[in-house]
Structures are given as C-alpha cells and as structure tokens.
N, C-alpha and C. Protein backbone atom coordinates (compact mmCIF):
# COMPACT_ATOMS: atom_id res chain seq x y z
N UNK A 1 -37.33 22.77 -15.67
CA UNK A 1 -35.88 22.69 -14.24
C UNK A 1 -35.66 20.46 -14.66
N UNK A 2 -36.67 19.88 -14.41
CA UNK A 2 -35.92 19.02 -14.14
C UNK A 2 -35.32 18.05 -15.43
N UNK A 3 -36.05 18.31 -16.42
CA UNK A 3 -34.85 18.06 -17.41
C UNK A 3 -33.63 17.50 -17.53
N UNK A 4 -33.52 19.49 -17.45
CA UNK A 4 -31.67 19.47 -17.52
C UNK A 4 -30.91 18.69 -15.92
N UNK A 5 -32.09 18.51 -15.21
CA UNK A 5 -31.12 17.30 -14.21
C UNK A 5 -31.34 16.42 -13.92
N UNK A 6 -32.37 15.52 -15.31
CA UNK A 6 -32.02 14.16 -15.95
C UNK A 6 -31.30 13.85 -16.85
N UNK A 7 -30.74 15.43 -17.35
CA UNK A 7 -29.71 15.33 -18.29
C UNK A 7 -28.52 14.87 -17.61
N UNK A 8 -28.13 15.36 -15.98
CA UNK A 8 -26.57 15.64 -15.45
C UNK A 8 -26.71 14.40 -15.40
N UNK A 9 -27.57 13.76 -14.70
CA UNK A 9 -27.60 12.39 -14.52
C UNK A 9 -27.09 11.01 -15.25
N UNK A 10 -28.20 11.37 -16.12
CA UNK A 10 -27.45 10.51 -17.22
C UNK A 10 -26.28 10.90 -17.92
N UNK A 11 -25.94 12.03 -18.40
CA UNK A 11 -24.42 12.57 -18.09
C UNK A 11 -23.41 11.73 -17.59
N UNK A 12 -23.84 11.53 -16.33
CA UNK A 12 -22.55 11.46 -15.22
C UNK A 12 -22.48 9.68 -15.16
N UNK A 13 -24.22 9.35 -15.96
CA UNK A 13 -23.94 7.73 -15.49
C UNK A 13 -22.84 7.25 -16.96
N UNK A 14 -23.35 8.02 -17.95
CA UNK A 14 -22.51 7.61 -19.50
C UNK A 14 -20.78 7.42 -18.41
N UNK A 15 -20.23 8.70 -17.87
CA UNK A 15 -18.99 8.65 -17.37
C UNK A 15 -18.60 8.02 -16.28
N UNK A 16 -19.63 8.06 -15.67
CA UNK A 16 -19.51 6.86 -14.84
C UNK A 16 -19.28 5.08 -15.63
N UNK A 17 -19.99 4.83 -16.57
CA UNK A 17 -19.54 3.78 -17.93
C UNK A 17 -18.49 3.20 -18.05
N UNK A 18 -18.05 4.98 -18.35
CA UNK A 18 -16.78 5.01 -19.75
C UNK A 18 -15.37 4.77 -19.21
N UNK A 19 -15.30 4.96 -17.42
CA UNK A 19 -14.18 4.87 -16.04
C UNK A 19 -14.29 3.64 -15.39
N UNK A 20 -14.78 2.74 -15.93
CA UNK A 20 -14.98 1.13 -14.95
C UNK A 20 -14.47 0.71 -16.34
N UNK A 21 -14.89 0.94 -16.83
CA UNK A 21 -14.89 0.09 -18.65
C UNK A 21 -13.51 0.32 -18.83
N UNK A 22 -12.81 1.54 -19.05
CA UNK A 22 -11.52 1.58 -18.90
C UNK A 22 -10.75 1.62 -17.94
N UNK A 23 -10.71 1.83 -16.56
CA UNK A 23 -10.37 0.46 -15.51
C UNK A 23 -10.30 -0.67 -16.43
N UNK A 24 -11.31 -1.47 -16.11
CA UNK A 24 -11.02 -2.80 -16.58
C UNK A 24 -10.27 -3.17 -17.57
N UNK A 25 -10.58 -2.89 -19.39
CA UNK A 25 -8.99 -2.27 -20.60
C UNK A 25 -7.56 -2.47 -19.79
N UNK A 26 -8.34 -1.67 -18.35
CA UNK A 26 -6.38 -2.12 -18.05
C UNK A 26 -5.65 -2.81 -17.20
N UNK A 27 -6.70 -3.54 -15.86
CA UNK A 27 -6.37 -4.54 -15.33
C UNK A 27 -5.87 -5.75 -16.17
N UNK A 28 -7.13 -5.73 -17.87
CA UNK A 28 -6.77 -6.79 -18.85
C UNK A 28 -5.19 -6.62 -18.76
N UNK A 29 -5.00 -5.68 -19.40
CA UNK A 29 -3.76 -4.75 -19.99
C UNK A 29 -2.92 -5.86 -18.76
N UNK A 30 -2.83 -6.08 -17.46
CA UNK A 30 -2.09 -6.26 -16.51
C UNK A 30 -1.44 -4.88 -16.23
N UNK A 31 -2.07 -3.30 -15.75
CA UNK A 31 -1.56 -2.99 -15.54
C UNK A 31 -2.35 -2.85 -13.84
N UNK A 32 -1.23 -1.40 -12.45
CA UNK A 32 -1.39 -1.11 -12.08
C UNK A 32 -1.70 -0.09 -11.76
N UNK A 33 -3.09 0.18 -11.11
CA UNK A 33 -4.41 1.01 -10.58
C UNK A 33 -3.70 1.49 -9.11
N UNK A 34 -3.92 2.40 -9.15
CA UNK A 34 -3.49 3.62 -7.84
C UNK A 34 -2.76 4.14 -7.45
N UNK A 35 -2.33 4.56 -6.19
CA UNK A 35 0.02 4.82 -6.22
C UNK A 35 0.42 4.11 -5.50
N UNK A 36 1.60 4.30 -6.65
CA UNK A 36 2.74 3.54 -6.21
C UNK A 36 2.61 3.13 -4.84
N UNK A 37 2.72 1.93 -4.24
CA UNK A 37 3.51 2.42 -3.15
C UNK A 37 4.77 2.51 -2.75
N UNK A 38 5.49 3.65 -1.85
CA UNK A 38 6.55 3.81 -1.76
C UNK A 38 7.97 2.18 -0.98
N UNK A 39 7.28 1.59 -0.60
CA UNK A 39 8.15 -0.23 -0.25
C UNK A 39 8.27 -0.44 -1.75
N UNK A 40 8.26 -0.58 -2.91
CA UNK A 40 9.41 -1.04 -3.29
C UNK A 40 9.85 -0.45 -3.95
N UNK A 41 10.24 0.45 -3.87
CA UNK A 41 10.62 1.63 -4.85
C UNK A 41 12.35 1.16 -3.65
N UNK A 42 13.68 1.07 -4.78
CA UNK A 42 15.18 1.14 -4.79
C UNK A 42 15.42 1.19 -3.17
N UNK A 43 15.77 2.28 -3.11
CA UNK A 43 15.91 2.74 -2.20
C UNK A 43 15.56 2.85 -0.95
N UNK A 44 14.13 2.20 -0.86
CA UNK A 44 13.83 1.51 0.25
C UNK A 44 14.27 0.02 0.76
N UNK A 45 14.47 -0.46 -0.79
CA UNK A 45 14.49 -1.50 -0.49
C UNK A 45 16.20 -2.42 -0.15
N UNK A 46 17.06 -1.44 -0.66
CA UNK A 46 18.44 -1.39 -0.36
C UNK A 46 18.92 -1.28 0.94
N UNK A 47 18.05 0.05 1.75
CA UNK A 47 18.24 0.60 2.54
C UNK A 47 17.27 -0.25 4.60
N UNK A 48 16.87 -1.48 3.99
CA UNK A 48 15.71 -1.06 4.28
C UNK A 48 16.60 -3.35 5.47
N UNK A 49 17.22 -3.93 5.15
CA UNK A 49 17.77 -4.64 6.00
C UNK A 49 18.19 -3.68 6.62
N UNK A 50 19.40 -3.21 6.74
CA UNK A 50 20.78 -2.31 7.40
C UNK A 50 18.78 -0.70 8.93
N UNK A 51 18.30 -0.57 8.67
CA UNK A 51 17.14 0.32 9.34
C UNK A 51 16.25 -1.49 10.35
N UNK A 52 16.02 -2.16 8.86
CA UNK A 52 16.24 -3.80 10.28
C UNK A 52 16.94 -3.95 11.32
N UNK A 53 18.19 -3.73 10.81
CA UNK A 53 18.67 -3.60 11.92
C UNK A 53 18.88 -3.33 12.97
N UNK A 54 19.27 -2.01 12.69
CA UNK A 54 18.80 -1.10 13.82
C UNK A 54 17.57 -0.57 14.86
N UNK A 55 16.49 -1.06 14.02
CA UNK A 55 14.97 -1.72 14.59
C UNK A 55 15.54 -2.60 16.02
N UNK A 56 15.83 -3.16 15.80
CA UNK A 56 16.37 -4.75 16.54
C UNK A 56 16.71 -4.50 17.18
N UNK A 57 18.43 -3.55 17.40
CA UNK A 57 18.66 -3.09 18.60
C UNK A 57 18.19 -2.69 19.16
N UNK A 58 17.28 -1.76 18.29
CA UNK A 58 16.71 -0.60 19.78
C UNK A 58 17.71 0.82 19.62
N UNK A 59 18.53 0.70 18.68
CA UNK A 59 18.74 2.54 18.10
C UNK A 59 18.48 2.97 17.28
N UNK A 60 17.58 2.22 16.50
CA UNK A 60 16.82 3.16 15.86
C UNK A 60 14.89 3.25 15.74
N UNK A 61 14.66 4.54 16.09
CA UNK A 61 12.77 4.83 16.48
C UNK A 61 12.05 4.40 15.52
N UNK A 62 10.91 3.85 15.03
CA UNK A 62 10.29 3.26 14.05
C UNK A 62 10.04 5.68 13.09
N UNK A 63 9.87 5.52 14.06
CA UNK A 63 9.33 7.55 13.67
C UNK A 63 10.94 7.79 13.26
N UNK A 64 11.62 7.80 12.97
CA UNK A 64 13.17 7.81 12.42
C UNK A 64 13.40 6.85 10.67
N UNK A 65 13.01 5.59 11.30
CA UNK A 65 13.25 5.16 10.62
C UNK A 65 12.23 5.56 8.75
N UNK A 66 11.33 5.76 9.80
CA UNK A 66 10.21 6.18 8.32
C UNK A 66 11.08 7.10 7.81
N UNK A 67 11.13 8.22 8.94
CA UNK A 67 11.80 9.78 8.34
C UNK A 67 13.31 9.62 7.48
N UNK A 68 13.82 8.61 7.58
CA UNK A 68 15.03 8.43 6.81
C UNK A 68 14.37 7.31 5.35
N UNK A 69 13.53 6.71 5.89
CA UNK A 69 13.39 5.39 4.20
C UNK A 69 12.73 6.68 3.55
N UNK A 70 11.15 8.00 3.59
CA UNK A 70 10.89 8.37 3.03
C UNK A 70 9.47 7.51 3.60
N UNK A 71 8.65 6.49 4.11
CA UNK A 71 8.40 5.50 3.95
C UNK A 71 6.67 7.01 5.53
N UNK A 72 5.99 5.34 6.05
CA UNK A 72 5.40 6.14 6.69
C UNK A 72 6.15 5.32 8.13
N UNK A 73 5.45 5.91 9.58
CA UNK A 73 5.76 5.17 10.86
C UNK A 73 4.85 3.67 10.78
N UNK A 74 3.49 4.14 9.62
CA UNK A 74 2.52 2.66 9.61
C UNK A 74 3.83 1.81 9.04
N UNK A 75 3.68 1.54 7.77
CA UNK A 75 4.87 0.94 6.89
C UNK A 75 6.09 0.18 7.22
N UNK A 76 6.66 1.32 8.38
CA UNK A 76 7.64 1.03 9.25
C UNK A 76 7.49 -0.13 9.90
N UNK A 77 5.93 0.03 11.10
CA UNK A 77 5.64 -1.02 12.25
C UNK A 77 5.13 -1.86 11.17
N UNK A 78 4.60 -1.64 10.06
CA UNK A 78 3.61 -3.70 9.67
C UNK A 78 5.05 -3.97 9.48
N UNK A 79 5.99 -3.35 8.44
CA UNK A 79 6.84 -4.80 8.23
C UNK A 79 7.66 -4.92 9.22
N UNK A 80 8.45 -3.77 9.88
CA UNK A 80 9.02 -4.88 11.53
C UNK A 80 8.00 -6.07 12.32
N UNK A 81 6.84 -6.17 11.68
CA UNK A 81 6.37 -7.26 12.31
C UNK A 81 6.19 -8.19 11.29
N UNK A 82 6.23 -7.90 10.12
CA UNK A 82 6.53 -9.17 9.23
C UNK A 82 7.40 -10.05 9.55
N UNK A 83 8.76 -9.27 9.45
CA UNK A 83 10.07 -9.90 8.69
C UNK A 83 10.27 -10.15 11.25
N UNK A 84 9.60 -10.03 11.73
CA UNK A 84 10.30 -11.12 12.75
C UNK A 84 9.15 -11.74 12.49
N UNK A 85 8.12 -12.24 12.73
CA UNK A 85 7.07 -13.38 12.86
C UNK A 85 8.10 -13.95 11.22
N UNK A 86 8.02 -13.49 10.32
CA UNK A 86 9.16 -14.56 9.11
C UNK A 86 10.43 -15.00 9.68
N UNK A 87 11.16 -13.94 10.38
CA UNK A 87 12.23 -15.31 11.78
C UNK A 87 11.97 -16.18 12.40
N UNK A 88 10.79 -16.00 13.12
CA UNK A 88 10.31 -17.31 13.05
C UNK A 88 10.15 -18.26 13.87
N UNK A 89 9.77 -18.25 11.47
CA UNK A 89 9.69 -19.19 11.16
C UNK A 89 7.69 -19.54 10.48
N UNK A 90 7.22 -18.28 10.45
CA UNK A 90 5.74 -17.94 10.25
C UNK A 90 6.03 -17.60 9.20
N UNK A 91 4.65 -18.37 8.60
CA UNK A 91 4.10 -18.02 6.57
C UNK A 91 3.20 -16.63 7.46
N UNK A 92 3.57 -15.87 6.56
CA UNK A 92 2.37 -14.84 6.65
C UNK A 92 1.84 -15.00 5.36
N UNK A 93 0.68 -14.55 5.09
CA UNK A 93 -0.08 -14.35 3.73
C UNK A 93 -0.99 -12.73 4.77
N UNK A 94 -0.49 -11.43 3.96
CA UNK A 94 -1.16 -10.31 4.57
C UNK A 94 -2.73 -10.24 4.95
N UNK A 95 -3.12 -10.55 2.91
CA UNK A 95 -4.51 -10.11 2.66
C UNK A 95 -5.21 -11.42 3.32
N UNK A 96 -5.04 -12.86 3.69
CA UNK A 96 -5.32 -13.28 5.32
C UNK A 96 -5.59 -13.54 5.87
N UNK A 97 -4.21 -12.77 6.93
CA UNK A 97 -3.83 -12.61 7.61
C UNK A 97 -4.81 -11.12 8.81
N UNK A 98 -5.00 -9.90 7.45
CA UNK A 98 -5.95 -8.60 8.28
C UNK A 98 -4.41 -8.31 9.46
N UNK A 99 -5.32 -7.94 9.82
CA UNK A 99 -4.64 -7.01 10.48
C UNK A 99 -3.68 -7.10 12.00
N UNK A 100 -2.13 -7.19 12.16
CA UNK A 100 -1.26 -8.07 13.02
C UNK A 100 -1.26 -7.69 14.39
N UNK A 101 -2.69 -6.43 14.32
CA UNK A 101 -2.30 -5.63 15.75
C UNK A 101 -2.85 -6.87 16.69
N UNK A 102 -3.81 -7.20 15.89
CA UNK A 102 -4.17 -8.95 17.21
C UNK A 102 -3.81 -9.62 17.43
N UNK A 103 -1.91 -9.86 16.96
CA UNK A 103 -1.82 -11.68 17.49
C UNK A 103 0.29 -10.48 17.42
C-alpha cells in the first residue's frame, strides 16, 4: 500500500512540474493566462460612456447597469469610482492603490 501511495505522489509531482513549465512557457510567449475579463469586450467598451453618464445622472442603478453590460455590479462600481477619480484629476494605479473602498 505504501508503495502505491509513493508512486501516486511522484506522478502528481511530475504532472505539477509539467503544468508549471507549460504556464511559464506561455507567459514567455506573451500569452495571457486565466479567464478573459468582460470589461475588455468591445460591447462593454462601446456602451460604458453612455452607462457612465446615466449612473452619474442617477437615472440608472449599478445593478441595472451591470445587467445591461453583462458584467458584475462590483465591476460597474469599481469602474465608476475610477472614472470619478479620473474626472477629478487624480491618477489612479489600481495595482498600487489596492481597494478603493477606503478612500
């Protein structure tokens, strides 16, 4: 029984190494890993300025905007805050900024 367990562990480790090597190779080739973001879809990009105007005017809610665009309400909220900050003249780097809920 112990021998079979050891063989299984060894095989899992080999598979893990191959997967990691493949992901590293893909990154070196410039490929993006993971699920694509809906925010980069042409439909969302084309409709976002209109939705942003309606959100700012108060004629459209976050949930309705998200449903219309086909994205999550958190995506709409995040990008709405980013747009507000950018219109106020602030530069925003989401990576270094972290969560916008604090500010």
